[in-house]
C-alpha atoms as a PDB file:
ATOM      1  CA  MET A   1      -4.525 -29.199  32.078  1.00  0.00           C
ATOM      2  CA  LYS A   2      -7.380 -27.072  30.790  1.00  0.00           C
ATOM      3  CA  PRO A   3      -6.557 -23.679  29.289  1.00  0.00           C
ATOM      4  CA  HIS A   4      -6.781 -20.758  31.776  1.00  0.00           C
ATOM      5  CA  ILE A   5      -6.302 -17.978  29.219  1.00  0.00           C
ATOM      6  CA  ALA A   6      -9.078 -16.608  26.975  1.00  0.00           C
ATOM      7  CA  ILE A   7      -8.225 -14.687  23.855  1.00  0.00           C
ATOM      8  CA  ILE A   8     -11.387 -12.764  23.050  1.00  0.00           C
ATOM      9  CA  GLY A   9     -11.575 -10.960  19.739  1.00  0.00           C
ATOM     10  CA  SER A  10     -11.539 -11.239  15.969  1.00  0.00           C
ATOM     11  CA  CYS A  11      -9.929 -13.436  13.448  1.00  0.00           C
ATOM     12  CA  THR A  12     -10.285 -11.655  10.071  1.00  0.00           C
ATOM     13  CA  THR A  13      -9.506 -11.969   6.452  1.00  0.00           C
ATOM     14  CA  ASP A  14      -6.899  -9.316   5.740  1.00  0.00           C
ATOM     15  CA  VAL A  15      -6.723  -8.162   2.094  1.00  0.00           C
ATOM     16  CA  ILE A  16      -3.223  -6.728   1.996  1.00  0.00           C
ATOM     17  CA  ILE A  17      -2.754  -4.178  -0.741  1.00  0.00           C
ATOM     18  CA  GLU A  18       0.736  -2.804  -1.492  1.00  0.00           C
ATOM     19  CA  ILE A  19       0.723   0.711  -2.882  1.00  0.00           C
ATOM     20  CA  PRO A  20       3.325   3.536  -3.311  1.00  0.00           C
ATOM     21  CA  HIS A  21       1.210   5.877  -1.132  1.00  0.00           C
ATOM     22  CA  LEU A  22      -2.345   6.426  -0.128  1.00  0.00           C
ATOM     23  CA  PRO A  23      -4.266   8.040  -2.983  1.00  0.00           C
ATOM     24  CA  GLU A  24      -5.351  11.653  -2.916  1.00  0.00           C
ATOM     25  CA  LYS A  25      -9.005  12.419  -3.652  1.00  0.00           C
ATOM     26  CA  GLU A  26      -9.717  11.402  -7.311  1.00  0.00           C
ATOM     27  CA  GLU A  27      -6.174  10.013  -7.725  1.00  0.00           C
ATOM     28  CA  ASP A  28      -5.746   6.817  -9.716  1.00  0.00           C
ATOM     29  CA  ILE A  29      -3.109   4.437  -8.352  1.00  0.00           C
ATOM     30  CA  HIS A  30      -1.979   1.025  -9.601  1.00  0.00           C
ATOM     31  CA  ILE A  31      -1.513  -1.409  -6.717  1.00  0.00           C
ATOM     32  CA  ARG A  32       1.617  -3.601  -6.658  1.00  0.00           C
ATOM     33  CA  THR A  33       0.204  -6.717  -5.072  1.00  0.00           C
ATOM     34  CA  GLN A  34      -2.931  -7.999  -3.375  1.00  0.00           C
ATOM     35  CA  THR A  35      -2.862 -10.985  -1.087  1.00  0.00           C
ATOM     36  CA  PHE A  36      -5.168 -12.582   1.451  1.00  0.00           C
ATOM     37  CA  ALA A  37      -3.936 -13.421   4.977  1.00  0.00           C
ATOM     38  CA  LEU A  38      -5.404 -14.448   8.260  1.00  0.00           C
ATOM     39  CA  GLY A  39      -5.402 -11.435  10.549  1.00  0.00           C
ATOM     40  CA  GLY A  40      -7.353  -9.876  13.342  1.00  0.00           C
ATOM     41  CA  CYS A  41      -5.859  -8.701  16.630  1.00  0.00           C
ATOM     42  CA  ALA A  42      -6.919 -11.778  18.582  1.00  0.00           C
ATOM     43  CA  GLY A  43      -5.716 -14.158  15.886  1.00  0.00           C
ATOM     44  CA  ASN A  44      -2.370 -12.415  15.694  1.00  0.00           C
ATOM     45  CA  ALA A  45      -1.944 -12.443  19.510  1.00  0.00           C
ATOM     46  CA  ALA A  46      -2.970 -16.140  19.718  1.00  0.00           C
ATOM     47  CA  CYS A  47      -0.287 -16.983  17.205  1.00  0.00           C
ATOM     48  CA  MET A  48       2.386 -16.042  19.795  1.00  0.00           C
ATOM     49  CA  LEU A  49       0.815 -18.174  22.469  1.00  0.00           C
ATOM     50  CA  ASP A  50       1.006 -21.108  20.064  1.00  0.00           C
ATOM     51  CA  LEU A  51       4.687 -20.421  19.459  1.00  0.00           C
ATOM     52  CA  PHE A  52       5.316 -20.357  23.195  1.00  0.00           C
ATOM     53  CA  HIS A  53       3.316 -23.572  23.663  1.00  0.00           C
ATOM     54  CA  VAL A  54       0.827 -21.843  25.985  1.00  0.00           C
ATOM     55  CA  ASP A  55      -2.731 -23.257  25.895  1.00  0.00           C
ATOM     56  CA  TYR A  56      -5.681 -20.917  25.554  1.00  0.00           C
ATOM     57  CA  HIS A  57      -9.290 -20.653  24.389  1.00  0.00           C
ATOM     58  CA  LEU A  58      -9.662 -18.692  21.149  1.00  0.00           C
ATOM     59  CA  CYS A  59     -12.948 -16.924  21.665  1.00  0.00           C
ATOM     60  CA  THR A  60     -13.633 -15.643  18.173  1.00  0.00           C
ATOM     61  CA  PRO A  61     -16.855 -15.558  16.169  1.00  0.00           C
ATOM     62  CA  ILE A  62     -16.907 -17.003  12.669  1.00  0.00           C
ATOM     63  CA  GLY A  63     -19.900 -16.598  10.416  1.00  0.00           C
ATOM     64  CA  THR A  64     -20.714 -17.301   6.798  1.00  0.00           C
ATOM     65  CA  GLY A  65     -19.378 -16.306   3.319  1.00  0.00           C
ATOM     66  CA  ILE A  66     -16.137 -16.454   1.537  1.00  0.00           C
ATOM     67  CA  TYR A  67     -14.202 -14.513   4.159  1.00  0.00           C
ATOM     68  CA  ALA A  68     -15.486 -16.866   6.905  1.00  0.00           C
ATOM     69  CA  ASP A  69     -14.488 -19.863   4.816  1.00  0.00           C
ATOM     70  CA  PHE A  70     -10.980 -18.397   4.458  1.00  0.00           C
ATOM     71  CA  VAL A  71     -10.655 -17.847   8.222  1.00  0.00           C
ATOM     72  CA  ARG A  72     -11.775 -21.416   9.006  1.00  0.00           C
ATOM     73  CA  LYS A  73      -9.322 -22.824   6.496  1.00  0.00           C
ATOM     74  CA  GLN A  74      -6.408 -20.850   7.894  1.00  0.00           C
ATOM     75  CA  LEU A  75      -7.237 -21.605  11.459  1.00  0.00           C
ATOM     76  CA  LYS A  76      -7.371 -25.313  10.628  1.00  0.00           C
ATOM     77  CA  LYS A  77      -3.871 -25.030   9.105  1.00  0.00           C
ATOM     78  CA  ARG A  78      -2.674 -23.490  12.413  1.00  0.00           C
ATOM     79  CA  HIS A  79      -4.455 -26.214  14.407  1.00  0.00           C
ATOM     80  CA  GLN A  80      -6.504 -23.494  16.191  1.00  0.00           C
ATOM     81  CA  THR A  81     -10.091 -24.387  17.163  1.00  0.00           C
ATOM     82  CA  PRO A  82     -12.521 -21.564  17.981  1.00  0.00           C
ATOM     83  CA  PHE A  83     -14.149 -21.855  21.371  1.00  0.00           C
ATOM     84  CA  PHE A  84     -17.401 -20.044  20.402  1.00  0.00           C
ATOM     85  CA  PRO A  85     -20.019 -21.707  18.098  1.00  0.00           C
ATOM     86  CA  ASP A  86     -20.509 -20.407  14.524  1.00  0.00           C
ATOM     87  CA  SER A  87     -22.514 -17.330  13.804  1.00  0.00           C
ATOM     88  CA  GLU A  88     -25.199 -17.062  11.169  1.00  0.00           C
ATOM     89  CA  GLU A  89     -24.065 -13.582  10.180  1.00  0.00           C
ATOM     90  CA  GLU A  90     -21.681 -13.031   7.227  1.00  0.00           C
ATOM     91  CA  ASN A  91     -17.989 -12.273   7.899  1.00  0.00           C
ATOM     92  CA  GLY A  92     -16.493  -8.979   6.802  1.00  0.00           C
ATOM     93  CA  CYS A  93     -12.846  -8.326   5.954  1.00  0.00           C
ATOM     94  CA  CYS A  94     -10.043  -5.814   6.552  1.00  0.00           C
ATOM     95  CA  TYR A  95      -8.285  -3.942   3.702  1.00  0.00           C
ATOM     96  CA  CYS A  96      -4.711  -3.256   4.820  1.00  0.00           C
ATOM     97  CA  PHE A  97      -2.895  -0.651   2.701  1.00  0.00           C
ATOM     98  CA  VAL A  98       0.882  -0.890   2.947  1.00  0.00           C
ATOM     99  CA  GLU A  99       2.837   2.109   1.628  1.00  0.00           C
ATOM    100  CA  ASP A 100       6.400   2.350   0.504  1.00  0.00           C
ATOM    101  CA  ASP A 101       7.471   3.688   3.863  1.00  0.00           C
ATOM    102  CA  GLU A 102       5.934   0.500   5.405  1.00  0.00           C
ATOM    103  CA  GLU A 103       3.187   2.407   7.224  1.00  0.00           C
ATOM    104  CA  ARG A 104      -0.203   0.832   7.134  1.00  0.00           C
ATOM    105  CA  SER A 105      -3.805   2.060   7.004  1.00  0.00           C
ATOM    106  CA  PHE A 106      -6.968   0.012   7.319  1.00  0.00           C
ATOM    107  CA  LEU A 107     -10.482  -0.041   5.971  1.00  0.00           C
ATOM    108  CA  ALA A 108     -12.621  -2.547   7.876  1.00  0.00           C
ATOM    109  CA  LEU A 109     -15.923  -4.065   6.908  1.00  0.00           C
ATOM    110  CA  HIS A 110     -17.101  -5.486  10.234  1.00  0.00           C
ATOM    111  CA  GLY A 111     -19.212  -8.575  10.152  1.00  0.00           C
ATOM    112  CA  ALA A 112     -19.719 -11.688  12.290  1.00  0.00           C
ATOM    113  CA  GLU A 113     -16.119 -11.695  13.434  1.00  0.00           C
ATOM    114  CA  TYR A 114     -16.721  -8.574  15.549  1.00  0.00           C
ATOM    115  CA  HIS A 115     -20.158  -9.411  16.898  1.00  0.00           C
ATOM    116  CA  PHE A 116     -20.541 -11.490  20.016  1.00  0.00           C
ATOM    117  CA  GLN A 117     -23.578 -13.162  21.515  1.00  0.00           C
ATOM    118  CA  LYS A 118     -24.430 -12.997  25.245  1.00  0.00           C
ATOM    119  CA  GLN A 119     -24.996 -16.761  25.645  1.00  0.00           C
ATOM    120  CA  TRP A 120     -21.492 -17.576  24.416  1.00  0.00           C
ATOM    121  CA  PHE A 121     -20.094 -16.133  27.648  1.00  0.00           C
ATOM    122  CA  ASP A 122     -22.244 -18.422  29.716  1.00  0.00           C
ATOM    123  CA  GLN A 123     -20.261 -21.183  28.150  1.00  0.00           C
ATOM    124  CA  LEU A 124     -16.925 -19.459  28.818  1.00  0.00           C
ATOM    125  CA  ALA A 125     -18.012 -18.897  32.468  1.00  0.00           C
ATOM    126  CA  GLN A 126     -17.831 -22.674  32.971  1.00  0.00           C
ATOM    127  CA  GLU A 127     -14.077 -22.567  32.307  1.00  0.00           C
ATOM    128  CA  GLU A 128     -11.391 -21.824  34.895  1.00  0.00           C
ATOM    129  CA  ILE A 129     -10.167 -18.640  33.240  1.00  0.00           C
ATOM    130  CA  ASP A 130      -7.742 -16.381  35.120  1.00  0.00           C
ATOM    131  CA  THR A 131      -6.356 -14.270  32.253  1.00  0.00           C
ATOM    132  CA  VAL A 132      -8.208 -12.559  29.350  1.00  0.00           C
ATOM    133  CA  TYR A 133      -7.034 -10.648  26.287  1.00  0.00           C
ATOM    134  CA  ILE A 134      -9.492  -8.095  24.845  1.00  0.00           C
ATOM    135  CA  CYS A 135      -9.172  -5.485  22.106  1.00  0.00           C
ATOM    136  CA  GLY A 136     -10.778  -2.094  21.780  1.00  0.00           C
ATOM    137  CA  LEU A 137     -12.170  -2.874  18.306  1.00  0.00           C
ATOM    138  CA  GLU A 138     -14.533  -5.500  19.751  1.00  0.00           C
ATOM    139  CA  ILE A 139     -15.312  -3.407  22.855  1.00  0.00           C
ATOM    140  CA  GLU A 140     -16.421  -0.475  20.606  1.00  0.00           C
ATOM    141  CA  GLU A 141     -19.096  -2.652  18.979  1.00  0.00           C
ATOM    142  CA  GLU A 142     -22.579  -2.780  20.495  1.00  0.00           C
ATOM    143  CA  SER A 143     -21.947  -6.413  21.492  1.00  0.00           C
ATOM    144  CA  GLY A 144     -18.791  -5.370  23.419  1.00  0.00           C
ATOM    145  CA  ILE A 145     -21.002  -4.953  26.452  1.00  0.00           C
ATOM    146  CA  TYR A 146     -21.338  -8.788  26.631  1.00  0.00           C
ATOM    147  CA  ILE A 147     -17.510  -8.982  26.998  1.00  0.00           C
ATOM    148  CA  ILE A 148     -17.602  -6.329  29.703  1.00  0.00           C
ATOM    149  CA  ASP A 149     -20.491  -8.073  31.520  1.00  0.00           C
ATOM    150  CA  TYR A 150     -18.486 -11.324  31.574  1.00  0.00           C
ATOM    151  CA  LEU A 151     -15.482  -9.542  33.027  1.00  0.00           C
ATOM    152  CA  LYS A 152     -17.532  -7.798  35.632  1.00  0.00           C
ATOM    153  CA  ALA A 153     -18.932 -11.131  36.729  1.00  0.00           C
ATOM    154  CA  HIS A 154     -15.463 -12.424  37.157  1.00  0.00           C
ATOM    155  CA  PRO A 155     -13.502  -9.569  38.836  1.00  0.00           C
ATOM    156  CA  ASP A 156     -10.445 -11.632  39.790  1.00  0.00           C
ATOM    157  CA  ILE A 157      -9.560 -12.213  36.129  1.00  0.00           C
ATOM    158  CA  LYS A 158      -6.351 -10.487  34.914  1.00  0.00           C
ATOM    159  CA  ILE A 159      -7.314  -8.360  31.887  1.00  0.00           C
ATOM    160  CA  TYR A 160      -4.932  -7.349  29.146  1.00  0.00           C
ATOM    161  CA  PHE A 161      -6.613  -4.574  27.202  1.00  0.00           C
ATOM    162  CA  ALA A 162      -5.094  -3.825  23.821  1.00  0.00           C
ATOM    163  CA  CYS A 163      -6.697  -0.378  23.326  1.00  0.00           C
ATOM    164  CA  GLY A 164      -6.325  -0.155  19.507  1.00  0.00           C
ATOM    165  CA  PRO A 165      -6.397   2.762  17.122  1.00  0.00           C
ATOM    166  CA  ARG A 166     -10.132   3.534  17.658  1.00  0.00           C
ATOM    167  CA  ILE A 167      -9.815   3.853  21.412  1.00  0.00           C
ATOM    168  CA  MET A 168     -11.361   7.388  21.345  1.00  0.00           C
ATOM    169  CA  HIS A 169     -14.467   5.954  19.647  1.00  0.00           C
ATOM    170  CA  ILE A 170     -15.300   3.744  22.681  1.00  0.00           C
ATOM    171  CA  GLU A 171     -18.082   4.935  24.884  1.00  0.00           C
ATOM    172  CA  GLN A 172     -16.706   6.448  28.056  1.00  0.00           C
ATOM    173  CA  GLU A 173     -18.935   4.306  30.274  1.00  0.00           C
ATOM    174  CA  LYS A 174     -17.392   1.158  28.750  1.00  0.00           C
ATOM    175  CA  LEU A 175     -13.858   2.499  29.333  1.00  0.00           C
ATOM    176  CA  ASP A 176     -14.648   3.534  32.893  1.00  0.00           C
ATOM    177  CA  THR A 177     -15.934   0.034  33.659  1.00  0.00           C
ATOM    178  CA  LEU A 178     -12.725  -1.557  32.254  1.00  0.00           C
ATOM    179  CA  PHE A 179     -10.573   0.857  34.164  1.00  0.00           C
ATOM    180  CA  SER A 180     -12.474  -0.023  37.374  1.00  0.00           C
ATOM    181  CA  LEU A 181     -11.593  -3.696  36.753  1.00  0.00           C
ATOM    182  CA  SER A 182      -7.863  -2.777  36.867  1.00  0.00           C
ATOM    183  CA  CYS A 183      -7.085  -3.807  33.339  1.00  0.00           C
ATOM    184  CA  ILE A 184      -3.486  -3.831  32.114  1.00  0.00           C
ATOM    185  CA  LEU A 185      -3.416  -1.279  29.336  1.00  0.00           C
ATOM    186  CA  HIS A 186      -1.374  -2.025  26.188  1.00  0.00           C
ATOM    187  CA  LEU A 187      -1.273   0.814  23.670  1.00  0.00           C
ATOM    188  CA  ASN A 188       1.117   2.780  21.415  1.00  0.00           C
ATOM    189  CA  LYS A 189       2.320   6.302  21.928  1.00  0.00           C
ATOM    190  CA  GLN A 190      -0.382   7.949  19.812  1.00  0.00           C
ATOM    191  CA  GLU A 191      -3.150   6.092  21.627  1.00  0.00           C
ATOM    192  CA  ALA A 192      -1.671   6.774  25.048  1.00  0.00           C
ATOM    193  CA  LEU A 193      -1.419  10.487  24.432  1.00  0.00           C
ATOM    194  CA  ALA A 194      -4.949  10.654  23.042  1.00  0.00           C
ATOM    195  CA  LEU A 195      -6.494   8.608  25.868  1.00  0.00           C
ATOM    196  CA  SER A 196      -4.710  10.472  28.639  1.00  0.00           C
ATOM    197  CA  GLY A 197      -4.889  13.953  27.147  1.00  0.00           C
ATOM    198  CA  LYS A 198      -1.201  14.434  27.972  1.00  0.00           C
ATOM    199  CA  ASP A 199       1.652  15.498  25.751  1.00  0.00           C
ATOM    200  CA  ASN A 200       4.411  13.141  26.785  1.00  0.00           C
ATOM    201  CA  ILE A 201       4.806   9.497  27.492  1.00  0.00           C
ATOM    202  CA  GLU A 202       5.662   9.734  31.238  1.00  0.00           C
ATOM    203  CA  ASP A 203       2.719  11.934  32.115  1.00  0.00           C
ATOM    204  CA  ALA A 204       0.379   9.847  29.921  1.00  0.00           C
ATOM    205  CA  ALA A 205       1.375   6.636  31.735  1.00  0.00           C
ATOM    206  CA  LYS A 206       0.920   8.241  35.120  1.00  0.00           C
ATOM    207  CA  ALA A 207      -2.507   9.502  34.200  1.00  0.00           C
ATOM    208  CA  LEU A 208      -3.632   6.149  32.846  1.00  0.00           C
ATOM    209  CA  TYR A 209      -2.208   4.360  35.864  1.00  0.00           C
ATOM    210  CA  ALA A 210      -4.294   6.622  38.084  1.00  0.00           C
ATOM    211  CA  LYS A 211      -7.408   5.380  36.272  1.00  0.00           C
ATOM    212  CA  THR A 212      -6.613   1.665  36.446  1.00  0.00           C
ATOM    213  CA  HIS A 213      -4.163   1.289  39.366  1.00  0.00           C
ATOM    214  CA  GLN A 214      -2.573  -1.348  37.182  1.00  0.00           C
ATOM    215  CA  SER A 215       0.430  -1.691  34.846  1.00  0.00           C
ATOM    216  CA  VAL A 216       0.476   0.463  31.719  1.00  0.00           C
ATOM    217  CA  ILE A 217       2.540  -0.683  28.679  1.00  0.00           C
ATOM    218  CA  ILE A 218       3.208   1.884  25.925  1.00  0.00           C
ATOM    219  CA  THR A 219       4.893   0.645  22.755  1.00  0.00           C
ATOM    220  CA  LEU A 220       7.284   3.040  21.091  1.00  0.00           C
ATOM    221  CA  GLY A 221       8.303   1.340  17.833  1.00  0.00           C
ATOM    222  CA  LYS A 222      12.082   1.524  17.265  1.00  0.00           C
ATOM    223  CA  ASP A 223      12.516   2.954  20.765  1.00  0.00           C
ATOM    224  CA  GLY A 224      11.137  -0.167  22.505  1.00  0.00           C
ATOM    225  CA  SER A 225       8.435   0.236  25.192  1.00  0.00           C
ATOM    226  CA  TYR A 226       7.680   2.229  28.372  1.00  0.00           C
ATOM    227  CA  LEU A 227       6.306   0.356  31.374  1.00  0.00           C
ATOM    228  CA  TYR A 228       4.703   2.160  34.292  1.00  0.00           C
ATOM    229  CA  GLU A 229       3.774   0.036  37.328  1.00  0.00           C
ATOM    230  CA  ASN A 230       3.880   0.472  41.134  1.00  0.00           C
ATOM    231  CA  ALA A 231       4.343   4.258  40.674  1.00  0.00           C
ATOM    232  CA  HIS A 232       7.526   3.762  38.762  1.00  0.00           C
ATOM    233  CA  GLY A 233       8.324   4.107  35.049  1.00  0.00           C
ATOM    234  CA  ILE A 234      10.977   2.426  32.997  1.00  0.00           C
ATOM    235  CA  TYR A 235      12.051   2.527  29.341  1.00  0.00           C
ATOM    236  CA  LEU A 236      12.774  -0.901  27.886  1.00  0.00           C
ATOM    237  CA  PRO A 237      14.834  -0.521  24.668  1.00  0.00           C
ATOM    238  CA  VAL A 238      15.051  -2.800  21.636  1.00  0.00           C
ATOM    239  CA  GLN A 239      17.654  -3.413  18.973  1.00  0.00           C
ATOM    240  CA  ALA A 240      16.439  -1.482  15.838  1.00  0.00           C
ATOM    241  CA  LYS A 241      15.218  -3.449  12.867  1.00  0.00           C
ATOM    242  CA  THR A 242      14.591  -2.405   9.344  1.00  0.00           C
ATOM    243  CA  PRO A 243      10.802  -2.459   8.861  1.00  0.00           C
ATOM    244  CA  VAL A 244       9.352  -4.471   5.925  1.00  0.00           C
ATOM    245  CA  ASP A 245       5.747  -4.873   7.068  1.00  0.00           C
ATOM    246  CA  THR A 246       4.418  -3.532  10.418  1.00  0.00           C
ATOM    247  CA  ILE A 247       1.083  -5.380  10.358  1.00  0.00           C
ATOM    248  CA  GLY A 248       0.621  -7.425  13.539  1.00  0.00           C
ATOM    249  CA  ALA A 249       3.570  -5.984  15.460  1.00  0.00           C
ATOM    250  CA  GLY A 250       1.508  -4.759  18.352  1.00  0.00           C
ATOM    251  CA  ASP A 251      -0.601  -7.908  18.467  1.00  0.00           C
ATOM    252  CA  GLY A 252       2.472 -10.074  18.544  1.00  0.00           C
ATOM    253  CA  HIS A 253       3.880  -7.865  21.313  1.00  0.00           C
ATOM    254  CA  ILE A 254       0.936  -8.270  23.686  1.00  0.00           C
ATOM    255  CA  GLY A 255       0.531 -11.908  22.730  1.00  0.00           C
ATOM    256  CA  SER A 256       4.133 -12.556  23.694  1.00  0.00           C
ATOM    257  CA  ILE A 257       3.682 -10.693  27.012  1.00  0.00           C
ATOM    258  CA  ILE A 258       0.628 -12.794  27.901  1.00  0.00           C
ATOM    259  CA  ALA A 259       2.529 -16.038  27.031  1.00  0.00           C
ATOM    260  CA  LEU A 260       5.651 -15.094  28.907  1.00  0.00           C
ATOM    261  CA  THR A 261       3.982 -13.898  32.096  1.00  0.00           C
ATOM    262  CA  SER A 262       1.999 -17.104  32.133  1.00  0.00           C
ATOM    263  CA  LEU A 263       5.297 -18.986  31.985  1.00  0.00           C
ATOM    264  CA  GLY A 264       6.580 -17.156  35.036  1.00  0.00           C
ATOM    265  CA  TYR A 265       8.495 -14.148  33.591  1.00  0.00           C
ATOM    266  CA  ASP A 266       8.116 -10.853  35.384  1.00  0.00           C
ATOM    267  CA  LEU A 267       6.565  -8.035  33.296  1.00  0.00           C
ATOM    268  CA  PRO A 268       9.739  -6.027  32.452  1.00  0.00           C
ATOM    269  CA  SER A 269      11.511  -9.179  31.195  1.00  0.00           C
ATOM    270  CA  ALA A 270       8.415 -10.222  29.263  1.00  0.00           C
ATOM    271  CA  ILE A 271       8.184  -6.792  27.587  1.00  0.00           C
ATOM    272  CA  GLN A 272      11.918  -6.844  26.615  1.00  0.00           C
ATOM    273  CA  ILE A 273      11.495 -10.227  24.974  1.00  0.00           C
ATOM    274  CA  ALA A 274       8.257  -9.067  23.271  1.00  0.00           C
ATOM    275  CA  ASN A 275      10.111  -5.996  21.979  1.00  0.00           C
ATOM    276  CA  HIS A 276      12.566  -8.233  20.237  1.00  0.00           C
ATOM    277  CA  ILE A 277       9.783 -10.464  18.807  1.00  0.00           C
ATOM    278  CA  SER A 278       7.915  -7.413  17.448  1.00  0.00           C
ATOM    279  CA  GLY A 279      11.165  -6.389  15.732  1.00  0.00           C
ATOM    280  CA  ALA A 280      11.320  -9.811  14.095  1.00  0.00           C
ATOM    281  CA  ILE A 281       7.671  -9.488  12.975  1.00  0.00           C
ATOM    282  CA  ILE A 282       8.180  -6.098  11.250  1.00  0.00           C
ATOM    283  CA  SER A 283      11.336  -7.240   9.484  1.00  0.00           C
ATOM    284  CA  LYS A 284       9.317  -9.772   7.401  1.00  0.00           C
ATOM    285  CA  LYS A 285       6.060  -9.907   5.522  1.00  0.00           C
ATOM    286  CA  GLY A 286       3.096 -11.204   7.422  1.00  0.00           C
ATOM    287  CA  ALA A 287       1.650 -10.703  10.891  1.00  0.00           C
ATOM    288  CA  CYS A 288       2.868 -13.890  12.455  1.00  0.00           C
ATOM    289  CA  LEU A 289       6.206 -15.626  12.761  1.00  0.00           C
ATOM    290  CA  THR A 290       6.689 -19.128  11.505  1.00  0.00           C
ATOM    291  CA  SER A 291       8.137 -21.732  13.923  1.00  0.00           C
ATOM    292  CA  ASP A 292      11.544 -21.408  12.245  1.00  0.00           C
ATOM    293  CA  GLU A 293      11.456 -17.602  12.382  1.00  0.00           C
ATOM    294  CA  PHE A 294      10.403 -17.710  16.014  1.00  0.00           C
ATOM    295  CA  ASP A 295      13.230 -20.209  16.898  1.00  0.00           C
ATOM    296  CA  ALA A 296      15.784 -17.986  15.126  1.00  0.00           C
ATOM    297  CA  CYS A 297      14.451 -14.870  16.951  1.00  0.00           C
ATOM    298  CA  MET A 298      14.700 -16.547  20.384  1.00  0.00           C
ATOM    299  CA  LYS A 299      18.178 -17.873  19.559  1.00  0.00           C
ATOM    300  CA  GLU A 300      19.384 -14.394  18.597  1.00  0.00           C
ATOM    301  CA  LEU A 301      17.780 -12.939  21.698  1.00  0.00           C
ATOM    302  CA  SER A 302      19.452 -15.418  24.091  1.00  0.00           C
ATOM    303  CA  LEU A 303      22.830 -14.644  22.457  1.00  0.00           C
ATOM    304  CA  PHE A 304      22.915 -10.893  22.985  1.00  0.00           C
ATOM    305  CA  GLN A 305      20.427 -10.080  25.679  1.00  0.00           C
ATOM    306  CA  PHE A 306      19.174 -12.872  27.914  1.00  0.00           C
ATOM    307  CA  CYS A 307      21.662 -15.531  29.028  1.00  0.00           C
ATOM    308  CA  SER A 308      18.928 -18.094  29.739  1.00  0.00           C
ATOM    309  CA  ILE A 309      15.564 -18.096  28.103  1.00  0.00           C
ATOM    310  CA  ASN A 310      13.726 -21.289  28.977  1.00  0.00           C
ATOM    311  CA  ILE A 311      10.890 -21.615  26.554  1.00  0.00           C
END
């Protein structure tokens, strides 16, 4: 069976730098460690579809240079094949600063991995796609309009829109178009409050639902998630985990939801399972779970929360 899900977005080289705290102006700090890892919102989300054995097209641009070579090598290790052809532009990278309190900050040098070409979507249009993942970081770029044009040309596609931390930098016209396509919004509390202009989760979710007339998923960290759909809101809790590294938690959350709903789970159940998976991601280093870590996570989940999880 051909894949019916398209994961559209970036696969990046993450340069992960562990520091005591972010430096003040003119402050000199010694870093603890520096490591390279495969990152990018789309790549992290796709990792979860692999773990759930859900087929998809990974629609990510890869260009030239050392960072592109690293991405190709890591994708090959994961047995992931990009759907789009190579770009002639050089790849950038993302510097991820992880502080002692496990919070993370990012400095991104955007290159080929964030820049799409219009003709690539003509190729995707030949596929029988019914579900698409997109991220705000790619929509913000000038070439984000090509993603939107593809979605406008296929209005029956279910869209999962991971808004991202730069949601307020996206042109309003682009946002209005995505809202008119009834995208499912996936965002954290800070993003939800900023985008809605409200000061609490419930009102924010209602305001966003009024724009999209579609489900709104707000992640709340240790407090789980809030789902608003069909004019009804519900908090979906999670067992608290001690954070070690929060990179990729949101990506793993939405990736799990897409995988689970494609397997027939209703949205509340999918979110509860995704909450638990995100907890497993933050309790270890790295943005993706290994197969063994995933199996252990699902076994733990079936023992205390879901009597039968058929994955």
